[in-house]
Amino acid sequence: MPNEKKYDKILDALHQLLEERTIQNISVSDIAKKAEMGKGSIYYYFPSKDAILDALIERNYEEPLKTAKNLASQTEISPFTRMAMILQACRSSSAAFLNHSSTASSAGTSAQDTAFLHQKYMNHLIAELKPSLTEIINQGIAAGDIHFEYPAALAEIVLIVLAVKLNNTFLSATAEDSEDTIRGLVALLEKGTDIPRGTLNYLSSTTDT
């Protein structure tokens, strides 16, 4: 049975190495040395360096994502409130990621590495949050509060826009530009799902700092 402490020690080792050097210059041997264990022990837990990186990203942002997943079952709460809470979880997770990326960049992480980490992070964020957001939208449709034929597509579109804007990596923009985009997204959501104008205004507040 895998040892949880050793598993976390491996992730901690990669985390520390990412603050010291580029991804390309980190090997499984480096991770093993940093974790103070044999290289064979690393492969017992992970098949590759990429798998360790994926697990590290998942662990670092586990709490806000877990919160979002739990919301899908809380049907006593308005679907709009739960949507706002999921978007807030997305924002919190993004803020944590960007804070770590900023620290890593100041330690010498290349722009290419930062972009690579952002892409992995966004893929994880969207994949993890999409089922929860889709379920909430479906519940809103069943209750007659939301009118839309493609709930999964809607969830994905919302998350992609948020992930790109909140990370501000691929399309650099000012805070004001990002807020305008989110307000536009809210307006489209209201119009496209036949929700009264202003119902989702508080969703845009999830971008406030």
N, C-alpha and C. Protein backbone atom coordinates (compact mmCIF):
# COMPACT_ATOMS: atom_id res chain seq x y z
N MET A 1 0.85 -1.21 0.00
CA MET A 1 0.00 0.00 0.00
C MET A 1 0.88 1.25 0.00
N PRO A 2 0.62 2.24 -0.90
CA PRO A 2 1.45 3.43 -0.98
C PRO A 2 1.51 4.20 0.34
N ASN A 3 2.70 4.73 0.63
CA ASN A 3 2.91 5.51 1.84
C ASN A 3 2.59 6.98 1.53
N GLU A 4 1.57 7.51 2.21
CA GLU A 4 1.12 8.88 1.91
C GLU A 4 2.20 9.91 2.21
N LYS A 5 2.97 9.68 3.26
CA LYS A 5 4.03 10.63 3.61
C LYS A 5 5.10 10.68 2.52
N LYS A 6 5.47 9.52 1.99
CA LYS A 6 6.46 9.48 0.92
C LYS A 6 5.91 10.14 -0.34
N TYR A 7 4.64 9.88 -0.62
CA TYR A 7 3.96 10.49 -1.79
C TYR A 7 4.05 12.01 -1.71
N ASP A 8 3.69 12.55 -0.55
CA ASP A 8 3.73 14.00 -0.36
C ASP A 8 5.16 14.53 -0.38
N LYS A 9 6.09 13.73 0.11
CA LYS A 9 7.50 14.15 0.13
C LYS A 9 8.03 14.32 -1.29
N ILE A 10 7.58 13.45 -2.19
CA ILE A 10 7.98 13.56 -3.60
C ILE A 10 7.42 14.84 -4.21
N LEU A 11 6.15 15.12 -3.92
CA LEU A 11 5.54 16.34 -4.44
C LEU A 11 6.21 17.58 -3.86
N ASP A 12 6.54 17.54 -2.58
CA ASP A 12 7.23 18.67 -1.95
C ASP A 12 8.59 18.90 -2.61
N ALA A 13 9.26 17.81 -2.94
CA ALA A 13 10.58 17.93 -3.56
C ALA A 13 10.49 18.63 -4.92
N LEU A 14 9.51 18.24 -5.73
CA LEU A 14 9.34 18.89 -7.04
C LEU A 14 8.95 20.35 -6.85
N HIS A 15 8.07 20.60 -5.90
CA HIS A 15 7.64 21.97 -5.61
C HIS A 15 8.86 22.85 -5.31
N GLN A 16 9.74 22.38 -4.48
CA GLN A 16 10.94 23.14 -4.11
C GLN A 16 11.87 23.33 -5.31
N LEU A 17 12.02 22.28 -6.10
CA LEU A 17 12.90 22.36 -7.27
C LEU A 17 12.38 23.36 -8.30
N LEU A 18 11.06 23.45 -8.45
CA LEU A 18 10.47 24.38 -9.41
C LEU A 18 10.75 25.83 -9.03
N GLU A 19 11.05 26.07 -7.77
CA GLU A 19 11.38 27.43 -7.34
C GLU A 19 12.87 27.74 -7.52
N GLU A 20 13.62 26.73 -7.94
CA GLU A 20 15.06 26.89 -8.09
C GLU A 20 15.53 26.81 -9.53
N ARG A 21 14.81 26.07 -10.38
CA ARG A 21 15.28 25.85 -11.74
C ARG A 21 14.10 25.58 -12.68
N THR A 22 14.40 25.48 -13.99
CA THR A 22 13.35 25.24 -14.98
C THR A 22 12.93 23.78 -14.97
N ILE A 23 11.74 23.53 -15.51
CA ILE A 23 11.22 22.16 -15.56
C ILE A 23 12.14 21.26 -16.36
N GLN A 24 12.66 21.80 -17.50
CA GLN A 24 13.52 20.99 -18.36
C GLN A 24 14.79 20.55 -17.64
N ASN A 25 15.21 21.33 -16.65
CA ASN A 25 16.45 21.02 -15.94
C ASN A 25 16.23 20.22 -14.66
N ILE A 26 15.02 19.70 -14.51
CA ILE A 26 14.71 18.85 -13.35
C ILE A 26 14.50 17.42 -13.84
N SER A 27 15.23 16.50 -13.27
CA SER A 27 15.09 15.08 -13.64
C SER A 27 14.46 14.31 -12.48
N VAL A 28 14.05 13.09 -12.78
CA VAL A 28 13.52 12.22 -11.72
C VAL A 28 14.60 11.98 -10.67
N SER A 29 15.85 11.89 -11.11
CA SER A 29 16.96 11.72 -10.17
C SER A 29 17.08 12.92 -9.23
N ASP A 30 16.88 14.13 -9.78
CA ASP A 30 16.92 15.34 -8.95
C ASP A 30 15.82 15.31 -7.89
N ILE A 31 14.64 14.88 -8.33
CA ILE A 31 13.51 14.81 -7.40
C ILE A 31 13.79 13.79 -6.30
N ALA A 32 14.35 12.66 -6.70
CA ALA A 32 14.68 11.61 -5.73
C ALA A 32 15.71 12.12 -4.71
N LYS A 33 16.71 12.83 -5.20
CA LYS A 33 17.75 13.37 -4.31
C LYS A 33 17.16 14.39 -3.35
N LYS A 34 16.30 15.25 -3.87
CA LYS A 34 15.67 16.27 -3.03
C LYS A 34 14.76 15.63 -1.99
N ALA A 35 14.10 14.56 -2.37
CA ALA A 35 13.17 13.88 -1.47
C ALA A 35 13.89 12.91 -0.52
N GLU A 36 15.19 12.76 -0.77
CA GLU A 36 16.02 11.87 0.04
C GLU A 36 15.52 10.43 0.01
N MET A 37 15.30 9.96 -1.22
CA MET A 37 14.90 8.56 -1.41
C MET A 37 15.46 8.06 -2.73
N GLY A 38 15.43 6.77 -2.93
CA GLY A 38 15.95 6.19 -4.15
C GLY A 38 15.08 6.49 -5.35
N LYS A 39 15.71 6.50 -6.53
CA LYS A 39 14.97 6.77 -7.76
C LYS A 39 13.88 5.71 -7.99
N GLY A 40 14.17 4.46 -7.60
CA GLY A 40 13.19 3.40 -7.75
C GLY A 40 11.93 3.66 -6.94
N SER A 41 12.10 4.32 -5.79
CA SER A 41 10.94 4.65 -4.95
C SER A 41 10.04 5.65 -5.65
N ILE A 42 10.65 6.55 -6.41
CA ILE A 42 9.86 7.55 -7.15
C ILE A 42 8.96 6.83 -8.15
N TYR A 43 9.55 5.87 -8.88
CA TYR A 43 8.78 5.17 -9.91
C TYR A 43 7.74 4.23 -9.32
N TYR A 44 7.85 3.93 -8.06
CA TYR A 44 6.81 3.13 -7.40
C TYR A 44 5.53 3.93 -7.29
N TYR A 45 5.69 5.26 -7.12
CA TYR A 45 4.52 6.13 -6.94
C TYR A 45 4.10 6.82 -8.24
N PHE A 46 5.05 7.10 -9.12
CA PHE A 46 4.75 7.85 -10.34
C PHE A 46 5.48 7.25 -11.54
N PRO A 47 4.82 7.16 -12.69
CA PRO A 47 5.47 6.60 -13.87
C PRO A 47 6.43 7.56 -14.56
N SER A 48 6.30 8.89 -14.29
CA SER A 48 7.13 9.87 -14.98
C SER A 48 7.16 11.19 -14.22
N LYS A 49 8.03 12.07 -14.68
CA LYS A 49 8.11 13.41 -14.09
C LYS A 49 6.82 14.19 -14.35
N ASP A 50 6.25 14.01 -15.54
CA ASP A 50 4.99 14.69 -15.86
C ASP A 50 3.88 14.28 -14.91
N ALA A 51 3.85 13.00 -14.53
CA ALA A 51 2.83 12.52 -13.61
C ALA A 51 3.00 13.16 -12.23
N ILE A 52 4.24 13.38 -11.83
CA ILE A 52 4.50 14.06 -10.55
C ILE A 52 4.01 15.49 -10.61
N LEU A 53 4.27 16.16 -11.73
CA LEU A 53 3.83 17.54 -11.90
C LEU A 53 2.31 17.65 -11.89
N ASP A 54 1.64 16.72 -12.56
CA ASP A 54 0.17 16.72 -12.57
C ASP A 54 -0.37 16.54 -11.15
N ALA A 55 0.25 15.63 -10.39
CA ALA A 55 -0.20 15.38 -9.02
C ALA A 55 0.05 16.59 -8.13
N LEU A 56 1.15 17.30 -8.39
CA LEU A 56 1.47 18.49 -7.60
C LEU A 56 0.43 19.58 -7.85
N ILE A 57 0.07 19.80 -9.10
CA ILE A 57 -0.94 20.80 -9.44
C ILE A 57 -2.28 20.42 -8.79
N GLU A 58 -2.63 19.15 -8.86
CA GLU A 58 -3.89 18.69 -8.26
C GLU A 58 -3.89 18.93 -6.75
N ARG A 59 -2.79 18.62 -6.10
CA ARG A 59 -2.73 18.79 -4.64
C ARG A 59 -2.77 20.26 -4.23
N ASN A 60 -2.04 21.10 -4.96
CA ASN A 60 -1.95 22.51 -4.58
C ASN A 60 -3.29 23.23 -4.62
N TYR A 61 -4.20 22.77 -5.47
CA TYR A 61 -5.48 23.47 -5.62
C TYR A 61 -6.65 22.57 -5.27
N GLU A 62 -6.40 21.60 -4.40
CA GLU A 62 -7.40 20.61 -4.04
C GLU A 62 -8.56 21.22 -3.24
N GLU A 63 -8.28 22.09 -2.28
CA GLU A 63 -9.32 22.59 -1.38
C GLU A 63 -10.41 23.40 -2.09
N PRO A 64 -10.05 24.44 -2.88
CA PRO A 64 -11.13 25.18 -3.56
C PRO A 64 -11.92 24.32 -4.53
N LEU A 65 -11.26 23.34 -5.15
CA LEU A 65 -11.97 22.47 -6.08
C LEU A 65 -12.90 21.52 -5.34
N LYS A 66 -12.46 21.05 -4.18
CA LYS A 66 -13.30 20.17 -3.36
C LYS A 66 -14.55 20.91 -2.92
N THR A 67 -14.40 22.18 -2.56
CA THR A 67 -15.53 23.01 -2.16
C THR A 67 -16.53 23.11 -3.30
N ALA A 68 -16.02 23.32 -4.51
CA ALA A 68 -16.88 23.46 -5.68
C ALA A 68 -17.66 22.17 -5.94
N LYS A 69 -16.99 21.05 -5.81
CA LYS A 69 -17.65 19.76 -6.07
C LYS A 69 -18.77 19.50 -5.07
N ASN A 70 -18.55 19.89 -3.83
CA ASN A 70 -19.56 19.67 -2.79
C ASN A 70 -20.83 20.48 -3.03
N LEU A 71 -20.70 21.58 -3.76
CA LEU A 71 -21.85 22.46 -3.98
C LEU A 71 -22.93 21.81 -4.83
N ALA A 72 -22.52 20.92 -5.73
CA ALA A 72 -23.48 20.32 -6.66
C ALA A 72 -24.60 19.56 -5.94
N SER A 73 -24.32 19.05 -4.75
CA SER A 73 -25.32 18.28 -4.01
C SER A 73 -26.20 19.13 -3.10
N GLN A 74 -25.86 20.40 -2.96
CA GLN A 74 -26.60 21.27 -2.04
C GLN A 74 -27.76 21.95 -2.76
N THR A 75 -28.76 21.16 -3.10
CA THR A 75 -29.87 21.65 -3.91
C THR A 75 -30.77 22.64 -3.17
N GLU A 76 -30.61 22.75 -1.85
CA GLU A 76 -31.41 23.74 -1.11
C GLU A 76 -30.91 25.17 -1.37
N ILE A 77 -29.72 25.28 -1.93
CA ILE A 77 -29.16 26.59 -2.27
C ILE A 77 -29.48 26.91 -3.72
N SER A 78 -29.83 28.15 -4.00
CA SER A 78 -30.15 28.58 -5.37
C SER A 78 -29.02 28.19 -6.32
N PRO A 79 -29.36 27.72 -7.54
CA PRO A 79 -28.30 27.39 -8.50
C PRO A 79 -27.43 28.59 -8.84
N PHE A 80 -28.01 29.78 -8.81
CA PHE A 80 -27.23 30.98 -9.11
C PHE A 80 -26.21 31.27 -8.02
N THR A 81 -26.61 31.06 -6.77
CA THR A 81 -25.68 31.24 -5.66
C THR A 81 -24.54 30.23 -5.76
N ARG A 82 -24.89 29.00 -6.09
CA ARG A 82 -23.86 27.95 -6.20
C ARG A 82 -22.94 28.21 -7.38
N MET A 83 -23.49 28.74 -8.47
CA MET A 83 -22.64 29.12 -9.61
C MET A 83 -21.64 30.18 -9.18
N ALA A 84 -22.11 31.16 -8.43
CA ALA A 84 -21.23 32.23 -7.95
C ALA A 84 -20.13 31.66 -7.05
N MET A 85 -20.51 30.69 -6.21
CA MET A 85 -19.54 30.09 -5.30
C MET A 85 -18.49 29.28 -6.05
N ILE A 86 -18.91 28.63 -7.13
CA ILE A 86 -17.95 27.88 -7.95
C ILE A 86 -16.99 28.85 -8.64
N LEU A 87 -17.53 29.96 -9.14
CA LEU A 87 -16.66 30.94 -9.79
C LEU A 87 -15.70 31.56 -8.78
N GLN A 88 -16.16 31.72 -7.54
CA GLN A 88 -15.28 32.23 -6.49
C GLN A 88 -14.17 31.21 -6.20
N ALA A 89 -14.52 29.92 -6.21
CA ALA A 89 -13.52 28.88 -6.01
C ALA A 89 -12.49 28.90 -7.13
N CYS A 90 -12.97 29.15 -8.33
CA CYS A 90 -12.09 29.27 -9.50
C CYS A 90 -11.13 30.44 -9.30
N ARG A 91 -11.67 31.57 -8.82
CA ARG A 91 -10.84 32.75 -8.58
C ARG A 91 -9.81 32.48 -7.50
N SER A 92 -10.23 31.84 -6.40
CA SER A 92 -9.32 31.56 -5.29
C SER A 92 -8.20 30.64 -5.73
N SER A 93 -8.57 29.64 -6.50
CA SER A 93 -7.57 28.70 -7.00
C SER A 93 -6.59 29.40 -7.93
N SER A 94 -7.11 30.28 -8.80
CA SER A 94 -6.25 31.01 -9.72
C SER A 94 -5.31 31.94 -8.98
N ALA A 95 -5.82 32.61 -7.94
CA ALA A 95 -4.99 33.52 -7.16
C ALA A 95 -3.84 32.78 -6.49
N ALA A 96 -4.14 31.59 -5.96
CA ALA A 96 -3.11 30.77 -5.32
C ALA A 96 -2.07 30.35 -6.34
N PHE A 97 -2.53 29.97 -7.53
CA PHE A 97 -1.60 29.54 -8.56
C PHE A 97 -0.70 30.69 -9.02
N LEU A 98 -1.32 31.85 -9.26
CA LEU A 98 -0.55 33.00 -9.73
C LEU A 98 0.46 33.46 -8.68
N ASN A 99 0.08 33.37 -7.42
CA ASN A 99 0.99 33.76 -6.36
C ASN A 99 2.23 32.86 -6.36
N HIS A 100 2.00 31.56 -6.53
CA HIS A 100 3.13 30.64 -6.59
C HIS A 100 3.95 30.87 -7.85
N SER A 101 3.28 31.14 -8.98
CA SER A 101 3.99 31.38 -10.24
C SER A 101 4.86 32.63 -10.14
N SER A 102 4.35 33.65 -9.46
CA SER A 102 5.11 34.88 -9.28
C SER A 102 6.38 34.63 -8.47
N THR A 103 6.25 33.82 -7.43
CA THR A 103 7.41 33.47 -6.60
C THR A 103 8.43 32.70 -7.43
N ALA A 104 7.93 31.75 -8.21
CA ALA A 104 8.82 30.94 -9.04
C ALA A 104 9.52 31.79 -10.09
N SER A 105 8.78 32.74 -10.68
CA SER A 105 9.36 33.61 -11.71
C SER A 105 10.48 34.46 -11.15
N SER A 106 10.28 34.98 -9.95
CA SER A 106 11.31 35.80 -9.32
C SER A 106 12.54 34.98 -8.97
N ALA A 107 12.35 33.64 -8.89
CA ALA A 107 13.48 32.76 -8.58
C ALA A 107 14.18 32.28 -9.85
N GLY A 108 13.68 32.75 -11.01
CA GLY A 108 14.36 32.43 -12.25
C GLY A 108 13.62 31.50 -13.19
N THR A 109 12.38 31.15 -12.89
CA THR A 109 11.61 30.29 -13.78
C THR A 109 11.37 31.02 -15.11
N SER A 110 11.57 30.34 -16.22
CA SER A 110 11.45 30.97 -17.52
C SER A 110 9.99 31.23 -17.88
N ALA A 111 9.78 32.16 -18.82
CA ALA A 111 8.42 32.46 -19.30
C ALA A 111 7.80 31.22 -19.93
N GLN A 112 8.64 30.42 -20.61
CA GLN A 112 8.14 29.19 -21.24
C GLN A 112 7.64 28.21 -20.19
N ASP A 113 8.38 28.09 -19.09
CA ASP A 113 7.96 27.21 -18.01
C ASP A 113 6.67 27.69 -17.38
N THR A 114 6.59 29.00 -17.15
CA THR A 114 5.39 29.58 -16.54
C THR A 114 4.17 29.32 -17.40
N ALA A 115 4.31 29.51 -18.73
CA ALA A 115 3.20 29.27 -19.65
C ALA A 115 2.80 27.79 -19.64
N PHE A 116 3.79 26.92 -19.59
CA PHE A 116 3.53 25.48 -19.56
C PHE A 116 2.76 25.09 -18.30
N LEU A 117 3.18 25.64 -17.16
CA LEU A 117 2.51 25.36 -15.89
C LEU A 117 1.08 25.91 -15.90
N HIS A 118 0.91 27.10 -16.47
CA HIS A 118 -0.42 27.69 -16.56
C HIS A 118 -1.35 26.82 -17.39
N GLN A 119 -0.83 26.31 -18.50
CA GLN A 119 -1.66 25.47 -19.36
C GLN A 119 -2.09 24.21 -18.62
N LYS A 120 -1.16 23.56 -17.93
CA LYS A 120 -1.49 22.36 -17.16
C LYS A 120 -2.51 22.70 -16.07
N TYR A 121 -2.28 23.83 -15.42
CA TYR A 121 -3.19 24.25 -14.34
C TYR A 121 -4.60 24.48 -14.89
N MET A 122 -4.72 25.21 -16.00
CA MET A 122 -6.03 25.52 -16.55
C MET A 122 -6.76 24.27 -17.02
N ASN A 123 -6.01 23.34 -17.63
CA ASN A 123 -6.62 22.08 -18.05
C ASN A 123 -7.21 21.35 -16.85
N HIS A 124 -6.45 21.33 -15.76
CA HIS A 124 -6.92 20.66 -14.54
C HIS A 124 -8.14 21.36 -13.97
N LEU A 125 -8.07 22.68 -13.89
CA LEU A 125 -9.16 23.46 -13.31
C LEU A 125 -10.47 23.24 -14.08
N ILE A 126 -10.40 23.35 -15.40
CA ILE A 126 -11.60 23.21 -16.23
C ILE A 126 -12.15 21.79 -16.14
N ALA A 127 -11.26 20.79 -16.22
CA ALA A 127 -11.70 19.39 -16.17
C ALA A 127 -12.37 19.07 -14.83
N GLU A 128 -11.84 19.63 -13.75
CA GLU A 128 -12.37 19.32 -12.42
C GLU A 128 -13.67 20.06 -12.12
N LEU A 129 -13.78 21.30 -12.56
CA LEU A 129 -14.96 22.10 -12.23
C LEU A 129 -16.13 21.90 -13.19
N LYS A 130 -15.84 21.49 -14.42
CA LYS A 130 -16.90 21.38 -15.43
C LYS A 130 -18.04 20.45 -15.01
N PRO A 131 -17.78 19.24 -14.49
CA PRO A 131 -18.91 18.37 -14.11
C PRO A 131 -19.79 18.98 -13.03
N SER A 132 -19.18 19.65 -12.04
CA SER A 132 -19.97 20.26 -10.96
C SER A 132 -20.82 21.40 -11.48
N LEU A 133 -20.22 22.26 -12.30
CA LEU A 133 -20.97 23.40 -12.84
C LEU A 133 -22.07 22.91 -13.78
N THR A 134 -21.78 21.89 -14.57
CA THR A 134 -22.80 21.32 -15.48
C THR A 134 -23.98 20.77 -14.69
N GLU A 135 -23.68 20.08 -13.60
CA GLU A 135 -24.75 19.51 -12.78
C GLU A 135 -25.64 20.59 -12.19
N ILE A 136 -25.02 21.68 -11.72
CA ILE A 136 -25.79 22.79 -11.15
C ILE A 136 -26.67 23.44 -12.21
N ILE A 137 -26.11 23.64 -13.41
CA ILE A 137 -26.90 24.21 -14.50
C ILE A 137 -28.06 23.28 -14.85
N ASN A 138 -27.81 21.98 -14.89
CA ASN A 138 -28.89 21.01 -15.18
C ASN A 138 -29.99 21.07 -14.12
N GLN A 139 -29.59 21.25 -12.86
CA GLN A 139 -30.57 21.36 -11.79
C GLN A 139 -31.40 22.63 -11.97
N GLY A 140 -30.76 23.71 -12.39
CA GLY A 140 -31.48 24.95 -12.65
C GLY A 140 -32.45 24.81 -13.81
N ILE A 141 -32.05 24.04 -14.84
CA ILE A 141 -32.93 23.78 -15.99
C ILE A 141 -34.14 22.96 -15.55
N ALA A 142 -33.89 21.92 -14.74
CA ALA A 142 -34.98 21.05 -14.27
C ALA A 142 -35.98 21.81 -13.42
N ALA A 143 -35.48 22.81 -12.68
CA ALA A 143 -36.35 23.61 -11.82
C ALA A 143 -37.05 24.73 -12.58
N GLY A 144 -36.68 24.91 -13.83
CA GLY A 144 -37.29 25.97 -14.64
C GLY A 144 -36.67 27.34 -14.43
N ASP A 145 -35.53 27.40 -13.69
CA ASP A 145 -34.86 28.68 -13.44
C ASP A 145 -33.93 29.08 -14.57
N ILE A 146 -33.42 28.08 -15.30
CA ILE A 146 -32.47 28.31 -16.38
C ILE A 146 -33.02 27.64 -17.64
N HIS A 147 -32.88 28.30 -18.78
CA HIS A 147 -33.35 27.76 -20.05
C HIS A 147 -32.18 27.73 -21.02
N PHE A 148 -31.66 26.51 -21.27
CA PHE A 148 -30.52 26.37 -22.17
C PHE A 148 -30.41 24.92 -22.58
N GLU A 149 -30.05 24.70 -23.86
CA GLU A 149 -30.06 23.33 -24.40
C GLU A 149 -28.73 22.60 -24.23
N TYR A 150 -27.66 23.33 -23.94
CA TYR A 150 -26.34 22.69 -23.90
C TYR A 150 -25.62 23.04 -22.59
N PRO A 151 -26.04 22.46 -21.47
CA PRO A 151 -25.46 22.82 -20.17
C PRO A 151 -23.96 22.54 -20.05
N ALA A 152 -23.50 21.41 -20.58
CA ALA A 152 -22.07 21.08 -20.49
C ALA A 152 -21.23 22.07 -21.28
N ALA A 153 -21.72 22.43 -22.47
CA ALA A 153 -21.00 23.41 -23.29
C ALA A 153 -20.96 24.77 -22.60
N LEU A 154 -22.08 25.15 -21.99
CA LEU A 154 -22.15 26.42 -21.28
C LEU A 154 -21.14 26.44 -20.12
N ALA A 155 -21.10 25.36 -19.36
CA ALA A 155 -20.16 25.27 -18.24
C ALA A 155 -18.72 25.40 -18.73
N GLU A 156 -18.40 24.74 -19.82
CA GLU A 156 -17.03 24.78 -20.35
C GLU A 156 -16.67 26.17 -20.84
N ILE A 157 -17.60 26.81 -21.54
CA ILE A 157 -17.33 28.17 -22.06
C ILE A 157 -17.05 29.13 -20.91
N VAL A 158 -17.90 29.08 -19.87
CA VAL A 158 -17.72 29.97 -18.72
C VAL A 158 -16.36 29.74 -18.07
N LEU A 159 -16.00 28.48 -17.87
CA LEU A 159 -14.74 28.17 -17.20
C LEU A 159 -13.53 28.55 -18.03
N ILE A 160 -13.61 28.36 -19.35
CA ILE A 160 -12.50 28.74 -20.22
C ILE A 160 -12.27 30.24 -20.16
N VAL A 161 -13.35 31.02 -20.27
CA VAL A 161 -13.22 32.48 -20.21
C VAL A 161 -12.62 32.91 -18.87
N LEU A 162 -13.15 32.34 -17.79
CA LEU A 162 -12.65 32.70 -16.46
C LEU A 162 -11.19 32.31 -16.28
N ALA A 163 -10.85 31.09 -16.69
CA ALA A 163 -9.48 30.62 -16.50
C ALA A 163 -8.49 31.49 -17.25
N VAL A 164 -8.82 31.83 -18.50
CA VAL A 164 -7.92 32.66 -19.30
C VAL A 164 -7.81 34.06 -18.72
N LYS A 165 -8.95 34.64 -18.36
CA LYS A 165 -8.94 36.02 -17.85
C LYS A 165 -8.30 36.13 -16.48
N LEU A 166 -8.63 35.19 -15.59
CA LEU A 166 -8.10 35.28 -14.24
C LEU A 166 -6.60 34.98 -14.19
N ASN A 167 -6.13 34.14 -15.10
CA ASN A 167 -4.69 33.86 -15.14
C ASN A 167 -3.92 34.96 -15.86
N ASN A 168 -4.58 35.62 -16.81
CA ASN A 168 -3.99 36.77 -17.48
C ASN A 168 -2.63 36.44 -18.11
N THR A 169 -2.50 35.21 -18.61
CA THR A 169 -1.22 34.79 -19.18
C THR A 169 -1.23 34.85 -20.71
N PHE A 170 -2.26 34.27 -21.31
CA PHE A 170 -2.30 34.19 -22.76
C PHE A 170 -2.80 35.48 -23.39
N LEU A 171 -3.68 36.18 -22.68
CA LEU A 171 -4.20 37.46 -23.15
C LEU A 171 -4.00 38.48 -22.04
N SER A 172 -2.86 39.11 -22.04
CA SER A 172 -2.55 40.07 -20.98
C SER A 172 -3.52 41.24 -21.05
N ALA A 173 -4.10 41.60 -19.89
CA ALA A 173 -5.08 42.68 -19.85
C ALA A 173 -5.03 43.37 -18.50
N THR A 174 -5.52 44.60 -18.47
CA THR A 174 -5.60 45.32 -17.21
C THR A 174 -6.74 44.75 -16.38
N ALA A 175 -6.75 45.08 -15.09
CA ALA A 175 -7.84 44.62 -14.21
C ALA A 175 -9.18 45.13 -14.73
N GLU A 176 -9.19 46.35 -15.24
CA GLU A 176 -10.44 46.94 -15.76
C GLU A 176 -10.94 46.18 -16.98
N ASP A 177 -10.00 45.81 -17.88
CA ASP A 177 -10.39 45.04 -19.07
C ASP A 177 -10.96 43.68 -18.67
N SER A 178 -10.33 43.04 -17.69
CA SER A 178 -10.80 41.73 -17.23
C SER A 178 -12.19 41.84 -16.63
N GLU A 179 -12.42 42.89 -15.85
CA GLU A 179 -13.73 43.09 -15.24
C GLU A 179 -14.80 43.31 -16.31
N ASP A 180 -14.44 44.06 -17.37
CA ASP A 180 -15.38 44.28 -18.47
C ASP A 180 -15.74 42.96 -19.15
N THR A 181 -14.73 42.10 -19.32
CA THR A 181 -14.97 40.80 -19.95
C THR A 181 -15.92 39.96 -19.11
N ILE A 182 -15.69 39.94 -17.79
CA ILE A 182 -16.54 39.15 -16.90
C ILE A 182 -17.96 39.71 -16.90
N ARG A 183 -18.09 41.04 -16.90
CA ARG A 183 -19.43 41.64 -16.95
C ARG A 183 -20.13 41.26 -18.25
N GLY A 184 -19.36 41.25 -19.35
CA GLY A 184 -19.93 40.84 -20.63
C GLY A 184 -20.36 39.39 -20.61
N LEU A 185 -19.55 38.55 -19.96
CA LEU A 185 -19.90 37.14 -19.83
C LEU A 185 -21.19 36.97 -19.04
N VAL A 186 -21.32 37.73 -17.95
CA VAL A 186 -22.54 37.67 -17.13
C VAL A 186 -23.75 38.09 -17.95
N ALA A 187 -23.60 39.16 -18.74
CA ALA A 187 -24.72 39.63 -19.57
C ALA A 187 -25.13 38.56 -20.59
N LEU A 188 -24.14 37.91 -21.20
CA LEU A 188 -24.44 36.85 -22.16
C LEU A 188 -25.11 35.66 -21.49
N LEU A 189 -24.65 35.33 -20.29
CA LEU A 189 -25.26 34.22 -19.55
C LEU A 189 -26.73 34.51 -19.27
N GLU A 190 -27.02 35.72 -18.83
CA GLU A 190 -28.40 36.08 -18.50
C GLU A 190 -29.29 36.05 -19.75
N LYS A 191 -28.78 36.62 -20.84
CA LYS A 191 -29.58 36.67 -22.05
C LYS A 191 -29.74 35.28 -22.67
N GLY A 192 -28.64 34.53 -22.71
CA GLY A 192 -28.65 33.22 -23.36
C GLY A 192 -29.42 32.16 -22.60
N THR A 193 -29.58 32.33 -21.29
CA THR A 193 -30.30 31.33 -20.48
C THR A 193 -31.67 31.84 -20.06
N ASP A 194 -32.08 32.98 -20.62
CA ASP A 194 -33.41 33.54 -20.35
C ASP A 194 -33.61 33.84 -18.87
N ILE A 195 -32.57 34.37 -18.24
CA ILE A 195 -32.63 34.78 -16.84
C ILE A 195 -32.86 36.29 -16.79
N PRO A 196 -33.71 36.79 -15.89
CA PRO A 196 -33.93 38.23 -15.80
C PRO A 196 -32.62 39.01 -15.63
N ARG A 197 -32.53 40.11 -16.33
CA ARG A 197 -31.31 40.93 -16.27
C ARG A 197 -31.02 41.37 -14.84
N GLY A 198 -29.77 41.21 -14.45
CA GLY A 198 -29.35 41.59 -13.10
C GLY A 198 -29.29 40.43 -12.13
N THR A 199 -29.89 39.26 -12.53
CA THR A 199 -29.91 38.10 -11.64
C THR A 199 -28.50 37.64 -11.28
N LEU A 200 -27.62 37.70 -12.25
CA LEU A 200 -26.26 37.18 -12.04
C LEU A 200 -25.22 38.29 -11.83
N ASN A 201 -25.66 39.50 -11.51
CA ASN A 201 -24.71 40.59 -11.32
C ASN A 201 -23.64 40.27 -10.31
N TYR A 202 -24.02 39.56 -9.24
CA TYR A 202 -23.06 39.29 -8.18
C TYR A 202 -21.99 38.28 -8.61
N LEU A 203 -22.20 37.60 -9.76
CA LEU A 203 -21.14 36.71 -10.24
C LEU A 203 -19.90 37.50 -10.60
N SER A 204 -20.09 38.71 -11.11
CA SER A 204 -18.93 39.52 -11.50
C SER A 204 -18.13 39.97 -10.29
N SER A 205 -18.74 39.95 -9.12
CA SER A 205 -18.01 40.36 -7.92
C SER A 205 -16.96 39.34 -7.53
N THR A 206 -17.00 38.14 -8.12
CA THR A 206 -15.99 37.13 -7.82
C THR A 206 -14.63 37.51 -8.38
N THR A 207 -14.58 38.57 -9.21
CA THR A 207 -13.28 39.00 -9.75
C THR A 207 -12.68 40.09 -8.91
N ASP A 208 -13.42 40.58 -7.91
CA ASP A 208 -12.87 41.64 -7.08
C ASP A 208 -11.73 41.12 -6.24
N THR A 209 -10.77 41.97 -5.96
CA THR A 209 -9.63 41.57 -5.15
C THR A 209 -9.82 42.03 -3.73
